[in-house]
Amino acid sequence: MDNSLERKNKLTTPESIITLIPIVISSGMAILLILFYVIPQYVKSTKVNLELNSLIKKKNELDDLKFKYKKINQKFDNLKNEKAIIIDLIGGTSNLDTLLAKLGELGAKNSIEFNSIVPKKVISFVENSSEKSKNKKNKLSNISVDSLLVEGIKKYLVQFSFKTNFTNLLSFLRELEFQENIILLDDINLKLLTNNKKNIDNSEGMLDVNLKITFYGKI
């Protein structure tokens, strides 16, 4: 008990109090420093770190988006090239005037005597959504869709009337098949012009030919 009293007396002496003052002041300054500098700096550092992580995440997302954009752009270019190939396969490089001029050349080559060439209709490509809307509006449920009529292509329907013999007709039709444009024949009507009893497939018999030809050409 005497030792505890002695220790207590030592703590309350002026010398011990003077010794404790710097410690108290230092502790107070340390607490103030922590409250007004360290903690705000820590909060600020945490905020900056979060912002940095967010920027890094956005940068990674941006790099990912750039990669996806590059892939989409490549696919788009491939689709454009495929579309151009399809258009060339269907419509070739000739328009209607060029096709008709070519038909005239083929006709002269195969001794075809044209009576008339009458363009009947020109059909352009229509988007599916617009076509559906139009069909719904007009309440037309059974409308045939032409799979060859794609964007960039026009469909020409032309009625032909001419005279020739059977051999030249076959040669003319055969050469039509080798044209770069897709050409479809429809409604072929043949009439023997001679008064004798020759068969329609006789090479000497003149035929009156009426047919409808469908061309697909570039716009």
C-alpha atoms as a PDB file:
ATOM      1  CA  MET A   1       0.000   0.000   0.000  1.00  0.00           C
ATOM      2  CA  ASP A   2       2.890   2.300   0.755  1.00  0.00           C
ATOM      3  CA  ASN A   3       4.276   1.586  -2.708  1.00  0.00           C
ATOM      4  CA  SER A   4       1.020   2.575  -4.406  1.00  0.00           C
ATOM      5  CA  LEU A   5       0.823   5.805  -2.469  1.00  0.00           C
ATOM      6  CA  GLU A   6       4.376   6.541  -3.314  1.00  0.00           C
ATOM      7  CA  ARG A   7       3.716   5.898  -7.025  1.00  0.00           C
ATOM      8  CA  LYS A   8       0.624   8.129  -6.897  1.00  0.00           C
ATOM      9  CA  ASN A   9       2.581  10.898  -5.276  1.00  0.00           C
ATOM     10  CA  LYS A  10       5.239  10.651  -7.951  1.00  0.00           C
ATOM     11  CA  LEU A  11       2.600  11.034 -10.709  1.00  0.00           C
ATOM     12  CA  THR A  12       1.167  14.128  -9.113  1.00  0.00           C
ATOM     13  CA  THR A  13       4.444  15.894  -8.679  1.00  0.00           C
ATOM     14  CA  PRO A  14       5.117  18.965 -10.812  1.00  0.00           C
ATOM     15  CA  GLU A  15       7.987  17.200 -12.558  1.00  0.00           C
ATOM     16  CA  SER A  16       5.746  14.328 -13.674  1.00  0.00           C
ATOM     17  CA  ILE A  17       3.015  16.709 -14.810  1.00  0.00           C
ATOM     18  CA  ILE A  18       5.517  18.703 -16.865  1.00  0.00           C
ATOM     19  CA  THR A  19       6.715  15.464 -18.388  1.00  0.00           C
ATOM     20  CA  LEU A  20       3.159  14.438 -19.353  1.00  0.00           C
ATOM     21  CA  ILE A  21       2.282  17.785 -21.009  1.00  0.00           C
ATOM     22  CA  PRO A  22       4.291  17.090 -24.231  1.00  0.00           C
ATOM     23  CA  ILE A  23       2.785  13.614 -24.393  1.00  0.00           C
ATOM     24  CA  VAL A  24      -0.733  14.987 -24.063  1.00  0.00           C
ATOM     25  CA  ILE A  25      -0.044  17.698 -26.609  1.00  0.00           C
ATOM     26  CA  SER A  26       1.497  15.197 -29.014  1.00  0.00           C
ATOM     27  CA  SER A  27      -1.426  12.847 -28.583  1.00  0.00           C
ATOM     28  CA  GLY A  28      -3.888  15.694 -29.178  1.00  0.00           C
ATOM     29  CA  MET A  29      -2.024  16.815 -32.275  1.00  0.00           C
ATOM     30  CA  ALA A  30      -1.902  13.233 -33.482  1.00  0.00           C
ATOM     31  CA  ILE A  31      -5.649  12.871 -32.972  1.00  0.00           C
ATOM     32  CA  LEU A  32      -6.296  16.187 -34.740  1.00  0.00           C
ATOM     33  CA  LEU A  33      -3.965  15.151 -37.551  1.00  0.00           C
ATOM     34  CA  ILE A  34      -5.818  11.885 -37.926  1.00  0.00           C
ATOM     35  CA  LEU A  35      -9.227  13.574 -37.823  1.00  0.00           C
ATOM     36  CA  PHE A  36      -8.498  16.479 -40.153  1.00  0.00           C
ATOM     37  CA  TYR A  37      -5.842  15.081 -42.480  1.00  0.00           C
ATOM     38  CA  VAL A  38      -5.347  11.326 -42.429  1.00  0.00           C
ATOM     39  CA  ILE A  39      -9.043  10.378 -42.512  1.00  0.00           C
ATOM     40  CA  PRO A  40      -9.928  12.926 -45.264  1.00  0.00           C
ATOM     41  CA  GLN A  41      -6.896  11.782 -47.254  1.00  0.00           C
ATOM     42  CA  TYR A  42      -7.929   8.180 -46.795  1.00  0.00           C
ATOM     43  CA  VAL A  43     -11.493   8.958 -47.930  1.00  0.00           C
ATOM     44  CA  LYS A  44     -10.134  10.924 -50.873  1.00  0.00           C
ATOM     45  CA  SER A  45      -7.708   8.142 -51.743  1.00  0.00           C
ATOM     46  CA  THR A  46     -10.509   5.579 -51.558  1.00  0.00           C
ATOM     47  CA  LYS A  47     -12.676   7.741 -53.809  1.00  0.00           C
ATOM     48  CA  VAL A  48      -9.830   8.202 -56.288  1.00  0.00           C
ATOM     49  CA  ASN A  49      -9.178   4.464 -56.221  1.00  0.00           C
ATOM     50  CA  LEU A  50     -12.840   3.736 -56.941  1.00  0.00           C
ATOM     51  CA  GLU A  51     -12.840   6.250 -59.784  1.00  0.00           C
ATOM     52  CA  LEU A  52      -9.631   4.712 -61.136  1.00  0.00           C
ATOM     53  CA  ASN A  53     -11.157   1.229 -61.006  1.00  0.00           C
ATOM     54  CA  SER A  54     -14.247   2.579 -62.737  1.00  0.00           C
ATOM     55  CA  LEU A  55     -12.107   4.159 -65.465  1.00  0.00           C
ATOM     56  CA  ILE A  56     -10.159   0.930 -65.907  1.00  0.00           C
ATOM     57  CA  LYS A  57     -13.437  -0.986 -66.188  1.00  0.00           C
ATOM     58  CA  LYS A  58     -14.771   1.513 -68.724  1.00  0.00           C
ATOM     59  CA  LYS A  59     -11.508   1.296 -70.681  1.00  0.00           C
ATOM     60  CA  ASN A  60     -11.783  -2.490 -70.770  1.00  0.00           C
ATOM     61  CA  GLU A  61     -15.419  -2.195 -71.845  1.00  0.00           C
ATOM     62  CA  LEU A  62     -14.391   0.328 -74.510  1.00  0.00           C
ATOM     63  CA  ASP A  63     -11.719  -2.041 -75.812  1.00  0.00           C
ATOM     64  CA  ASP A  64     -14.325  -4.812 -75.861  1.00  0.00           C
ATOM     65  CA  LEU A  65     -16.784  -2.562 -77.702  1.00  0.00           C
ATOM     66  CA  LYS A  66     -14.077  -1.619 -80.225  1.00  0.00           C
ATOM     67  CA  PHE A  67     -13.389  -5.306 -80.814  1.00  0.00           C
ATOM     68  CA  LYS A  68     -17.094  -6.043 -81.239  1.00  0.00           C
ATOM     69  CA  TYR A  69     -17.466  -3.045 -83.567  1.00  0.00           C
ATOM     70  CA  LYS A  70     -14.554  -4.326 -85.644  1.00  0.00           C
ATOM     71  CA  LYS A  71     -16.153  -7.778 -85.923  1.00  0.00           C
ATOM     72  CA  ILE A  72     -19.561  -6.283 -86.794  1.00  0.00           C
ATOM     73  CA  ASN A  73     -17.920  -4.026 -89.375  1.00  0.00           C
ATOM     74  CA  GLN A  74     -16.170  -7.031 -90.912  1.00  0.00           C
ATOM     75  CA  LYS A  75     -19.458  -8.941 -91.042  1.00  0.00           C
ATOM     76  CA  PHE A  76     -21.130  -5.896 -92.597  1.00  0.00           C
ATOM     77  CA  ASP A  77     -18.404  -5.694 -95.262  1.00  0.00           C
ATOM     78  CA  ASN A  78     -18.803  -9.423 -95.944  1.00  0.00           C
ATOM     79  CA  LEU A  79     -22.578  -8.983 -96.266  1.00  0.00           C
ATOM     80  CA  LYS A  80     -22.051  -6.059 -98.643  1.00  0.00           C
ATOM     81  CA  ASN A  81     -19.716  -8.178-100.769  1.00  0.00           C
ATOM     82  CA  GLU A  82     -22.169 -11.090-100.727  1.00  0.00           C
ATOM     83  CA  LYS A  83     -24.987  -8.719-101.658  1.00  0.00           C
ATOM     84  CA  ALA A  84     -22.957  -7.358-104.582  1.00  0.00           C
ATOM     85  CA  ILE A  85     -22.222 -10.917-105.750  1.00  0.00           C
ATOM     86  CA  ILE A  86     -25.919 -11.862-105.527  1.00  0.00           C
ATOM     87  CA  ILE A  87     -26.916  -8.739-107.461  1.00  0.00           C
ATOM     88  CA  ASP A  88     -24.333  -9.536-110.151  1.00  0.00           C
ATOM     89  CA  LEU A  89     -25.532 -13.151-110.361  1.00  0.00           C
ATOM     90  CA  ILE A  90     -29.179 -12.135-110.702  1.00  0.00           C
ATOM     91  CA  GLY A  91     -28.997  -8.874-112.605  1.00  0.00           C
ATOM     92  CA  GLY A  92     -25.646  -9.063-114.357  1.00  0.00           C
ATOM     93  CA  THR A  93     -24.304  -5.707-115.467  1.00  0.00           C
ATOM     94  CA  SER A  94     -26.965  -4.824-118.032  1.00  0.00           C
ATOM     95  CA  ASN A  95     -30.029  -2.612-117.773  1.00  0.00           C
ATOM     96  CA  LEU A  96     -33.208  -3.060-119.808  1.00  0.00           C
ATOM     97  CA  ASP A  97     -32.016  -1.020-122.815  1.00  0.00           C
ATOM     98  CA  THR A  98     -28.803  -3.027-123.014  1.00  0.00           C
ATOM     99  CA  LEU A  99     -30.734  -6.286-122.717  1.00  0.00           C
ATOM    100  CA  LEU A 100     -33.135  -5.333-125.486  1.00  0.00           C
ATOM    101  CA  ALA A 101     -30.205  -4.360-127.711  1.00  0.00           C
ATOM    102  CA  LYS A 102     -28.594  -7.726-126.988  1.00  0.00           C
ATOM    103  CA  LEU A 103     -31.862  -9.494-127.820  1.00  0.00           C
ATOM    104  CA  GLY A 104     -31.912  -7.633-131.133  1.00  0.00           C
ATOM    105  CA  GLU A 105     -28.415  -8.925-131.886  1.00  0.00           C
ATOM    106  CA  LEU A 106     -29.407 -12.485-130.982  1.00  0.00           C
ATOM    107  CA  GLY A 107     -32.550 -12.148-133.077  1.00  0.00           C
ATOM    108  CA  ALA A 108     -30.586 -10.978-136.139  1.00  0.00           C
ATOM    109  CA  LYS A 109     -28.058 -13.772-135.611  1.00  0.00           C
ATOM    110  CA  ASN A 110     -30.794 -16.418-135.535  1.00  0.00           C
ATOM    111  CA  SER A 111     -32.949 -14.948-138.315  1.00  0.00           C
ATOM    112  CA  ILE A 112     -35.673 -13.785-135.928  1.00  0.00           C
ATOM    113  CA  GLU A 113     -38.213 -11.382-137.467  1.00  0.00           C
ATOM    114  CA  PHE A 114     -39.596  -9.347-134.573  1.00  0.00           C
ATOM    115  CA  ASN A 115     -43.160  -8.117-134.888  1.00  0.00           C
ATOM    116  CA  SER A 116     -43.387  -6.304-131.572  1.00  0.00           C
ATOM    117  CA  ILE A 117     -41.526  -5.825-128.284  1.00  0.00           C
ATOM    118  CA  VAL A 118     -43.821  -4.432-125.606  1.00  0.00           C
ATOM    119  CA  PRO A 119     -42.556  -3.744-122.045  1.00  0.00           C
ATOM    120  CA  LYS A 120     -45.451  -4.730-119.769  1.00  0.00           C
ATOM    121  CA  LYS A 121     -44.307  -3.969-116.266  1.00  0.00           C
ATOM    122  CA  VAL A 122     -41.325  -2.931-114.171  1.00  0.00           C
ATOM    123  CA  ILE A 123     -41.290  -4.214-110.589  1.00  0.00           C
ATOM    124  CA  SER A 124     -38.900  -2.844-107.978  1.00  0.00           C
ATOM    125  CA  PHE A 125     -37.783  -4.401-104.723  1.00  0.00           C
ATOM    126  CA  VAL A 126     -39.970  -3.573-101.728  1.00  0.00           C
ATOM    127  CA  GLU A 127     -38.935  -4.063 -98.094  1.00  0.00           C
ATOM    128  CA  ASN A 128     -40.736  -6.924 -96.363  1.00  0.00           C
ATOM    129  CA  SER A 129     -42.126  -4.680 -93.637  1.00  0.00           C
ATOM    130  CA  SER A 130     -43.590  -2.274 -96.184  1.00  0.00           C
ATOM    131  CA  GLU A 131     -44.947  -5.131 -98.243  1.00  0.00           C
ATOM    132  CA  LYS A 132     -46.615  -6.730 -95.221  1.00  0.00           C
ATOM    133  CA  SER A 133     -48.119  -3.406 -94.228  1.00  0.00           C
ATOM    134  CA  LYS A 134     -49.415  -2.885 -97.747  1.00  0.00           C
ATOM    135  CA  ASN A 135     -50.817  -6.404 -97.921  1.00  0.00           C
ATOM    136  CA  LYS A 136     -52.527  -5.991 -94.568  1.00  0.00           C
ATOM    137  CA  LYS A 137     -54.001  -2.678 -95.632  1.00  0.00           C
ATOM    138  CA  ASN A 138     -55.338  -4.132 -98.868  1.00  0.00           C
ATOM    139  CA  LYS A 139     -56.395  -7.382 -97.156  1.00  0.00           C
ATOM    140  CA  LEU A 140     -54.453  -9.476 -99.652  1.00  0.00           C
ATOM    141  CA  SER A 141     -53.503 -12.761 -98.091  1.00  0.00           C
ATOM    142  CA  ASN A 142     -52.235 -14.784-101.056  1.00  0.00           C
ATOM    143  CA  ILE A 143     -49.468 -12.796-102.707  1.00  0.00           C
ATOM    144  CA  SER A 144     -46.499 -14.620-104.241  1.00  0.00           C
ATOM    145  CA  VAL A 145     -43.068 -13.419-103.178  1.00  0.00           C
ATOM    146  CA  ASP A 146     -40.300 -13.377-105.787  1.00  0.00           C
ATOM    147  CA  SER A 147     -37.109 -14.590-104.099  1.00  0.00           C
ATOM    148  CA  LEU A 148     -35.007 -13.267-106.993  1.00  0.00           C
ATOM    149  CA  LEU A 149     -36.278  -9.724-106.542  1.00  0.00           C
ATOM    150  CA  VAL A 150     -33.777  -8.366-104.025  1.00  0.00           C
ATOM    151  CA  GLU A 151     -32.571  -4.891-103.115  1.00  0.00           C
ATOM    152  CA  GLY A 152     -30.712  -3.317-106.046  1.00  0.00           C
ATOM    153  CA  ILE A 153     -32.618  -5.373-108.660  1.00  0.00           C
ATOM    154  CA  LYS A 154     -35.558  -4.539-110.917  1.00  0.00           C
ATOM    155  CA  LYS A 155     -37.807  -7.035-112.611  1.00  0.00           C
ATOM    156  CA  TYR A 156     -38.821  -6.345-116.223  1.00  0.00           C
ATOM    157  CA  LEU A 157     -41.748  -8.113-117.904  1.00  0.00           C
ATOM    158  CA  VAL A 158     -41.671  -7.821-121.704  1.00  0.00           C
ATOM    159  CA  GLN A 159     -44.039  -9.314-124.293  1.00  0.00           C
ATOM    160  CA  PHE A 160     -42.407 -10.485-127.538  1.00  0.00           C
ATOM    161  CA  SER A 161     -43.964 -11.378-130.866  1.00  0.00           C
ATOM    162  CA  PHE A 162     -41.795 -12.612-133.738  1.00  0.00           C
ATOM    163  CA  LYS A 163     -41.555 -15.015-136.677  1.00  0.00           C
ATOM    164  CA  THR A 164     -38.955 -17.722-137.183  1.00  0.00           C
ATOM    165  CA  ASN A 165     -38.600 -21.420-137.881  1.00  0.00           C
ATOM    166  CA  PHE A 166     -38.286 -24.094-135.204  1.00  0.00           C
ATOM    167  CA  THR A 167     -34.521 -24.550-135.502  1.00  0.00           C
ATOM    168  CA  ASN A 168     -33.781 -20.853-135.177  1.00  0.00           C
ATOM    169  CA  LEU A 169     -36.229 -20.590-132.287  1.00  0.00           C
ATOM    170  CA  LEU A 170     -34.372 -23.301-130.363  1.00  0.00           C
ATOM    171  CA  SER A 171     -31.040 -21.621-131.081  1.00  0.00           C
ATOM    172  CA  PHE A 172     -32.403 -18.238-129.963  1.00  0.00           C
ATOM    173  CA  LEU A 173     -33.800 -19.645-126.726  1.00  0.00           C
ATOM    174  CA  ARG A 174     -30.579 -21.556-126.062  1.00  0.00           C
ATOM    175  CA  GLU A 175     -28.513 -18.379-126.380  1.00  0.00           C
ATOM    176  CA  LEU A 176     -30.872 -16.574-124.013  1.00  0.00           C
ATOM    177  CA  GLU A 177     -29.957 -19.111-121.336  1.00  0.00           C
ATOM    178  CA  PHE A 178     -26.292 -18.096-121.513  1.00  0.00           C
ATOM    179  CA  GLN A 179     -26.860 -14.388-120.893  1.00  0.00           C
ATOM    180  CA  GLU A 180     -25.404 -12.928-117.682  1.00  0.00           C
ATOM    181  CA  ASN A 181     -28.823 -11.767-116.490  1.00  0.00           C
ATOM    182  CA  ILE A 182     -31.396 -14.222-115.202  1.00  0.00           C
ATOM    183  CA  ILE A 183     -34.031 -14.557-117.939  1.00  0.00           C
ATOM    184  CA  LEU A 184     -37.275 -16.470-117.458  1.00  0.00           C
ATOM    185  CA  LEU A 185     -39.663 -17.474-120.243  1.00  0.00           C
ATOM    186  CA  ASP A 186     -43.406 -17.711-119.753  1.00  0.00           C
ATOM    187  CA  ASP A 187     -46.630 -18.043-121.769  1.00  0.00           C
ATOM    188  CA  ILE A 188     -45.026 -19.382-124.946  1.00  0.00           C
ATOM    189  CA  ASN A 189     -47.530 -19.651-127.797  1.00  0.00           C
ATOM    190  CA  LEU A 190     -46.524 -21.114-131.171  1.00  0.00           C
ATOM    191  CA  LYS A 191     -48.578 -20.974-134.354  1.00  0.00           C
ATOM    192  CA  LEU A 192     -47.635 -22.565-137.663  1.00  0.00           C
ATOM    193  CA  LEU A 193     -47.897 -20.000-140.454  1.00  0.00           C
ATOM    194  CA  THR A 194     -47.563 -22.251-143.507  1.00  0.00           C
ATOM    195  CA  ASN A 195     -50.697 -23.696-145.083  1.00  0.00           C
ATOM    196  CA  ASN A 196     -49.228 -27.100-145.751  1.00  0.00           C
ATOM    197  CA  LYS A 197     -49.314 -30.037-143.381  1.00  0.00           C
ATOM    198  CA  LYS A 198     -45.767 -29.739-142.051  1.00  0.00           C
ATOM    199  CA  ASN A 199     -45.223 -30.437-138.353  1.00  0.00           C
ATOM    200  CA  ILE A 200     -44.530 -27.579-135.974  1.00  0.00           C
ATOM    201  CA  ASP A 201     -41.044 -28.948-135.294  1.00  0.00           C
ATOM    202  CA  ASN A 202     -40.146 -28.953-138.984  1.00  0.00           C
ATOM    203  CA  SER A 203     -37.184 -26.637-139.485  1.00  0.00           C
ATOM    204  CA  GLU A 204     -38.675 -25.237-142.694  1.00  0.00           C
ATOM    205  CA  GLY A 205     -42.058 -24.287-141.230  1.00  0.00           C
ATOM    206  CA  MET A 206     -42.385 -20.644-140.186  1.00  0.00           C
ATOM    207  CA  LEU A 207     -43.781 -20.054-136.730  1.00  0.00           C
ATOM    208  CA  ASP A 208     -45.594 -17.109-135.239  1.00  0.00           C
ATOM    209  CA  VAL A 209     -44.187 -16.937-131.691  1.00  0.00           C
ATOM    210  CA  ASN A 210     -45.651 -15.026-128.772  1.00  0.00           C
ATOM    211  CA  LEU A 211     -43.944 -15.230-125.398  1.00  0.00           C
ATOM    212  CA  LYS A 212     -43.421 -13.272-122.229  1.00  0.00           C
ATOM    213  CA  ILE A 213     -39.848 -12.834-121.022  1.00  0.00           C
ATOM    214  CA  THR A 214     -38.927 -11.773-117.506  1.00  0.00           C
ATOM    215  CA  PHE A 215     -35.555 -10.068-117.057  1.00  0.00           C
ATOM    216  CA  TYR A 216     -33.790  -9.208-113.823  1.00  0.00           C
ATOM    217  CA  GLY A 217     -31.510  -6.205-114.107  1.00  0.00           C
ATOM    218  CA  LYS A 218     -29.654  -3.751-111.915  1.00  0.00           C
ATOM    219  CA  ILE A 219     -31.344  -0.525-110.879  1.00  0.00           C
END
